[in-house]
Amino acid sequence: MSTRALRTAASGMYAQQINIEVISNNIANMNTTGFKRNKAEFQDLMYQEVSVNPLATSSSGMKDSGTNLIQVGNGVQPGSTQKIFKQGDITATNNQFDIAIQGEGFFQVKKTDGTFAYTRDGSFKVNSEGKLITSGGYLLDPDLSLTENTLGIAISRDGSVVALEVGGGSAAIGDIQLARFLNPGGLVALGDNLYAESEGSGQAFIGTPGSEGFGEVHQGFLESSNVDVVEEMIAMISAQRAYEINSKTVKTVEEMMTMANNLKRG
């Protein structure tokens, strides 16, 4: 019994260690553009049936047949981490290549291996070929190309992009489209503010910003992280207390084992 209690307490300490790691990652990314906070989720482990009093016997002299069994758990294990895709604050930057999404959706970018990834980070740049890229160098898809005559761009909330040219002219150069998922919480975080689709998220649905199910895009703005520092601090204190209580359980079991050993010596 004491061994099971030690394993159970140890599983609780490990679970809270994972919890603290998730919380610390949230706090570390509180200033990361488009970052979505993680939440650790846990599951209880399998249960065993234990006799209420294993030394008790029935009137026939036989041990308890199982009518007085109770279920005792074996602790906890980390189940998964869940991305919370709550809208972050929209902050003005006055940079014409910064784009924020107000509502549902992700920008689709093409990686160097030809696969697609998705991001809420709209801090785009222009590469040497005049194409819009992410801070990590990935091309926005569908791609937008600027020429040497382009002085700037104007992006409407439905994603249509117009290039302002030398001499006062203008020309439409394309449209920004958004991707959304049935279950965005199932996306796999890749780092670099990128996500990849998975079986859990389902396939991407591509659509026009502002249409049904898709958010609008805002030029000259960026979406801040949705991390609430106060909420994370409360979660950290709660995890610390849970870790402390589990460690106290280990100490209590050790004291009980010592007492039992002393009884045997007596």
Protein backbone atom coordinates (compact mmCIF):
# COMPACT_ATOMS: atom_id res chain seq x y z
CA MET A 1 0.00 0.00 0.00
CA SER A 2 2.77 2.42 0.96
CA THR A 3 4.56 1.78 -2.34
CA ARG A 4 1.40 2.60 -4.28
CA ALA A 5 0.99 5.82 -2.29
CA LEU A 6 4.56 6.84 -3.10
CA ARG A 7 4.05 6.19 -6.81
CA THR A 8 0.78 8.12 -6.75
CA ALA A 9 2.37 11.12 -5.06
CA ALA A 10 5.32 10.98 -7.46
CA SER A 11 2.95 11.02 -10.44
CA GLY A 12 1.30 14.12 -8.97
CA MET A 13 4.66 15.86 -8.60
CA TYR A 14 5.60 15.01 -12.20
CA ALA A 15 2.24 16.26 -13.47
CA GLN A 16 2.69 19.60 -11.71
CA GLN A 17 6.21 19.86 -13.09
CA ILE A 18 4.75 19.57 -16.61
CA ASN A 19 2.09 22.10 -15.64
CA ILE A 20 4.74 24.60 -14.53
CA GLU A 21 6.67 24.09 -17.78
CA VAL A 22 3.54 24.88 -19.80
CA ILE A 23 2.81 27.97 -17.69
CA SER A 24 6.42 29.20 -17.96
CA ASN A 25 6.25 28.86 -21.76
CA ASN A 26 3.07 30.97 -21.77
CA ILE A 27 4.72 33.70 -19.70
CA ALA A 28 7.89 33.60 -21.82
CA ASN A 29 5.77 34.26 -24.93
CA MET A 30 3.62 37.03 -23.48
CA ASN A 31 5.12 39.47 -26.03
CA THR A 32 5.17 37.06 -28.99
CA THR A 33 2.98 38.29 -31.84
CA GLY A 34 -0.06 36.08 -32.41
CA PHE A 35 0.92 33.61 -29.66
CA LYS A 36 -1.88 31.46 -28.21
CA ARG A 37 -1.55 30.22 -24.65
CA ASN A 38 -1.35 26.53 -23.81
CA LYS A 39 -3.27 24.70 -21.13
CA ALA A 40 -2.05 21.39 -19.69
CA GLU A 41 -4.68 18.66 -19.37
CA PHE A 42 -4.39 15.60 -17.13
CA GLN A 43 -5.97 12.17 -16.79
CA ASP A 44 -6.34 9.88 -13.79
CA LEU A 45 -4.58 6.53 -14.01
CA MET A 46 -6.17 3.08 -13.76
CA TYR A 47 -7.83 1.96 -10.53
CA GLN A 48 -7.35 -1.15 -8.42
CA GLU A 49 -9.90 -2.84 -6.22
CA VAL A 50 -8.67 -3.18 -2.65
CA SER A 51 -10.38 -4.90 0.25
CA VAL A 52 -11.56 -2.58 2.99
CA ASN A 53 -9.90 -4.86 5.55
CA PRO A 54 -7.74 -7.61 4.03
CA LEU A 55 -7.39 -9.28 7.45
CA ALA A 56 -11.14 -9.60 8.02
CA THR A 57 -12.83 -13.01 7.59
CA SER A 58 -16.41 -13.97 6.98
CA SER A 59 -18.53 -16.10 9.36
CA SER A 60 -17.44 -19.20 7.40
CA GLY A 61 -13.80 -18.44 8.12
CA MET A 62 -13.01 -17.43 4.54
CA LYS A 63 -11.51 -14.08 3.61
CA ASP A 64 -13.64 -11.28 2.15
CA SER A 65 -15.07 -12.52 -1.16
CA GLY A 66 -15.05 -9.05 -2.73
CA THR A 67 -18.31 -7.51 -1.57
CA ASN A 68 -16.41 -4.92 0.48
CA LEU A 69 -13.92 -3.78 -2.14
CA ILE A 70 -13.08 -0.13 -2.80
CA GLN A 71 -11.37 1.46 -5.81
CA VAL A 72 -8.01 3.06 -5.21
CA GLY A 73 -6.41 5.15 -7.94
CA ASN A 74 -2.79 5.07 -9.06
CA GLY A 75 -2.29 8.77 -9.62
CA VAL A 76 -2.32 11.12 -12.57
CA GLN A 77 -0.63 11.48 -15.95
CA PRO A 78 -0.34 14.40 -18.40
CA GLY A 79 -2.91 13.86 -21.15
CA SER A 80 -2.29 16.66 -23.62
CA THR A 81 -1.79 20.38 -24.03
CA GLN A 82 -4.61 22.42 -25.47
CA LYS A 83 -4.11 25.64 -27.44
CA ILE A 84 -6.56 28.35 -26.38
CA PHE A 85 -7.36 30.33 -29.53
CA LYS A 86 -8.89 33.31 -27.78
CA GLN A 87 -8.56 36.59 -29.65
CA GLY A 88 -5.54 38.66 -28.62
CA ASP A 89 -5.49 42.45 -28.42
CA ILE A 90 -5.08 44.31 -31.70
CA THR A 91 -2.23 46.83 -31.55
CA ALA A 92 -1.58 49.60 -34.07
CA THR A 93 1.90 49.62 -35.65
CA ASN A 94 1.34 51.92 -38.66
CA ASN A 95 3.47 49.54 -40.73
CA GLN A 96 1.83 48.87 -44.09
CA PHE A 97 3.05 45.26 -44.13
CA ASP A 98 1.62 44.40 -40.71
CA ILE A 99 -1.73 42.62 -40.89
CA ALA A 100 -3.92 41.49 -37.99
CA ILE A 101 -6.81 39.05 -38.12
CA GLN A 102 -9.89 40.10 -36.18
CA GLY A 103 -11.88 36.89 -35.74
CA GLU A 104 -11.37 33.34 -37.00
CA GLY A 105 -8.70 32.30 -39.44
CA PHE A 106 -4.99 31.87 -40.14
CA PHE A 107 -2.62 33.12 -42.80
CA GLN A 108 -1.42 30.29 -45.02
CA VAL A 109 2.31 30.22 -45.77
CA LYS A 110 4.41 27.90 -47.94
CA LYS A 111 7.43 26.27 -46.37
CA THR A 112 10.68 25.53 -48.22
CA ASP A 113 9.67 21.87 -48.71
CA GLY A 114 6.46 22.91 -50.47
CA THR A 115 4.12 22.06 -47.59
CA PHE A 116 1.80 24.58 -45.99
CA ALA A 117 1.79 25.99 -42.48
CA TYR A 118 -0.54 28.43 -40.76
CA THR A 119 0.03 31.45 -38.57
CA ARG A 120 -1.69 34.33 -36.79
CA ASP A 121 1.49 36.40 -36.95
CA GLY A 122 0.92 39.01 -39.63
CA SER A 123 4.25 40.86 -39.37
CA PHE A 124 5.18 40.39 -43.01
CA LYS A 125 8.27 41.62 -44.83
CA VAL A 126 9.26 41.99 -48.50
CA ASN A 127 12.06 39.82 -49.86
CA SER A 128 14.48 40.62 -52.67
CA GLU A 129 11.98 39.33 -55.24
CA GLY A 130 9.24 41.67 -54.02
CA LYS A 131 7.16 38.90 -52.42
CA LEU A 132 5.56 39.07 -48.98
CA ILE A 133 7.19 36.71 -46.48
CA THR A 134 6.98 35.98 -42.77
CA SER A 135 9.75 36.90 -40.32
CA GLY A 136 11.03 33.35 -40.79
CA GLY A 137 11.26 33.76 -44.59
CA TYR A 138 8.18 31.72 -45.58
CA LEU A 139 6.11 32.92 -48.53
CA LEU A 140 2.56 34.11 -47.98
CA ASP A 141 0.13 31.97 -50.01
CA PRO A 142 -1.42 33.05 -52.36
CA ASP A 143 1.74 35.06 -53.01
CA LEU A 144 1.76 38.80 -53.58
CA SER A 145 4.49 40.41 -55.70
CA LEU A 146 5.57 44.03 -55.68
CA THR A 147 7.57 45.70 -58.45
CA GLU A 148 10.18 48.46 -58.53
CA ASN A 149 7.35 50.90 -59.33
CA THR A 150 5.42 50.05 -56.16
CA LEU A 151 5.46 52.79 -53.52
CA GLY A 152 3.17 51.00 -51.09
CA ILE A 153 0.14 48.77 -50.74
CA ALA A 154 -3.40 49.22 -49.47
CA ILE A 155 -5.22 46.20 -48.01
CA SER A 156 -8.97 46.23 -47.52
CA ARG A 157 -10.71 44.25 -44.80
CA ASP A 158 -11.82 41.62 -47.30
CA GLY A 159 -8.18 40.93 -48.20
CA SER A 160 -7.99 42.62 -51.59
CA VAL A 161 -4.58 44.21 -52.13
CA VAL A 162 -3.92 47.29 -54.28
CA ALA A 163 -0.43 48.50 -55.14
CA LEU A 164 0.18 52.26 -55.11
CA GLU A 165 2.57 53.03 -57.96
CA VAL A 166 4.92 55.78 -59.03
CA GLY A 167 3.01 58.58 -60.72
CA GLY A 168 -0.10 58.17 -58.59
CA GLY A 169 -1.52 55.11 -60.28
CA SER A 170 -2.75 51.95 -58.60
CA ALA A 171 -3.28 48.35 -59.59
CA ALA A 172 -4.82 45.28 -57.94
CA ILE A 173 -2.12 42.69 -57.30
CA GLY A 174 -4.06 39.92 -55.59
CA ASP A 175 -6.02 38.89 -52.55
CA ILE A 176 -5.11 37.69 -49.08
CA GLN A 177 -7.02 34.57 -48.14
CA LEU A 178 -7.49 32.94 -44.76
CA ALA A 179 -7.63 29.34 -43.64
CA ARG A 180 -9.76 27.98 -40.83
CA PHE A 181 -10.24 24.58 -39.20
CA LEU A 182 -13.10 22.70 -37.62
CA ASN A 183 -10.92 22.13 -34.56
CA PRO A 184 -8.07 24.68 -34.37
CA GLY A 185 -7.13 23.23 -30.98
CA GLY A 186 -5.91 20.14 -32.84
CA LEU A 187 -3.25 22.05 -34.78
CA VAL A 188 0.37 21.07 -34.15
CA ALA A 189 2.64 23.91 -33.03
CA LEU A 190 5.85 23.97 -35.10
CA GLY A 191 7.60 26.96 -33.55
CA ASP A 192 8.32 30.20 -35.45
CA ASN A 193 4.66 31.11 -34.77
CA LEU A 194 3.59 28.37 -37.20
CA TYR A 195 1.04 25.57 -36.97
CA ALA A 196 0.53 22.46 -39.07
CA GLU A 197 -2.75 20.68 -39.70
CA SER A 198 -3.28 17.24 -38.21
CA GLU A 199 -5.95 14.58 -38.05
CA GLY A 200 -7.27 16.32 -34.94
CA SER A 201 -7.63 19.71 -36.61
CA GLY A 202 -8.98 18.45 -39.93
CA GLN A 203 -8.16 19.93 -43.30
CA ALA A 204 -7.96 23.66 -43.89
CA PHE A 205 -10.90 25.55 -45.38
CA ILE A 206 -9.75 28.50 -47.48
CA GLY A 207 -11.94 31.56 -47.75
CA THR A 208 -12.19 35.32 -48.12
CA PRO A 209 -11.66 37.52 -45.05
CA GLY A 210 -14.94 38.90 -43.77
CA SER A 211 -17.04 36.13 -45.33
CA GLU A 212 -19.04 33.72 -43.20
CA GLY A 213 -16.82 31.94 -40.69
CA PHE A 214 -13.75 34.07 -41.39
CA GLY A 215 -12.42 37.13 -39.62
CA GLU A 216 -11.45 40.42 -41.19
CA VAL A 217 -7.90 41.59 -41.84
CA HIS A 218 -6.64 44.97 -40.64
CA GLN A 219 -3.65 46.64 -42.24
CA GLY A 220 -1.22 48.45 -39.96
CA PHE A 221 -2.09 46.33 -36.91
CA LEU A 222 -0.74 43.22 -35.20
CA GLU A 223 -2.42 40.75 -32.87
CA SER A 224 -0.74 40.50 -29.47
CA SER A 225 -0.35 37.33 -27.43
CA ASN A 226 -3.51 36.25 -25.60
CA VAL A 227 -1.55 35.39 -22.44
CA ASP A 228 -3.08 36.95 -19.31
CA VAL A 229 -0.19 37.40 -16.86
CA VAL A 230 -2.46 37.54 -13.81
CA GLU A 231 -4.19 34.31 -14.84
CA GLU A 232 -0.83 32.61 -15.40
CA MET A 233 0.47 33.75 -12.01
CA ILE A 234 -2.61 32.31 -10.31
CA ALA A 235 -2.13 29.02 -12.18
CA MET A 236 1.54 28.98 -11.19
CA ILE A 237 0.73 29.44 -7.50
CA SER A 238 -1.89 26.69 -7.72
CA ALA A 239 0.61 24.31 -9.37
CA GLN A 240 3.24 25.15 -6.76
CA ARG A 241 0.82 24.37 -3.91
CA ALA A 242 -0.21 21.10 -5.57
CA TYR A 243 3.46 20.09 -5.96
CA GLU A 244 4.10 20.98 -2.33
CA ILE A 245 1.15 18.89 -1.11
CA ASN A 246 2.26 15.89 -3.17
CA SER A 247 5.77 16.16 -1.74
CA LYS A 248 4.20 16.32 1.72
CA THR A 249 2.40 13.06 0.89
CA VAL A 250 5.75 11.41 0.14
CA LYS A 251 7.07 12.57 3.50
CA THR A 252 3.95 11.32 5.31
CA VAL A 253 4.17 7.87 3.71
CA GLU A 254 7.85 7.68 4.64
CA GLU A 255 6.98 8.49 8.28
CA MET A 256 4.27 5.81 8.28
CA MET A 257 6.72 3.22 6.92
CA THR A 258 9.23 4.18 9.62
CA MET A 259 6.60 3.75 12.31
CA ALA A 260 5.66 0.32 10.95
CA ASN A 261 9.30 -0.75 10.93
CA ASN A 262 9.70 0.39 14.53
CA LEU A 263 6.69 -1.70 15.54
CA LYS A 264 8.29 -4.78 14.03
CA ARG A 265 11.49 -4.16 16.00
CA GLY A 266 9.46 -3.76 19.20
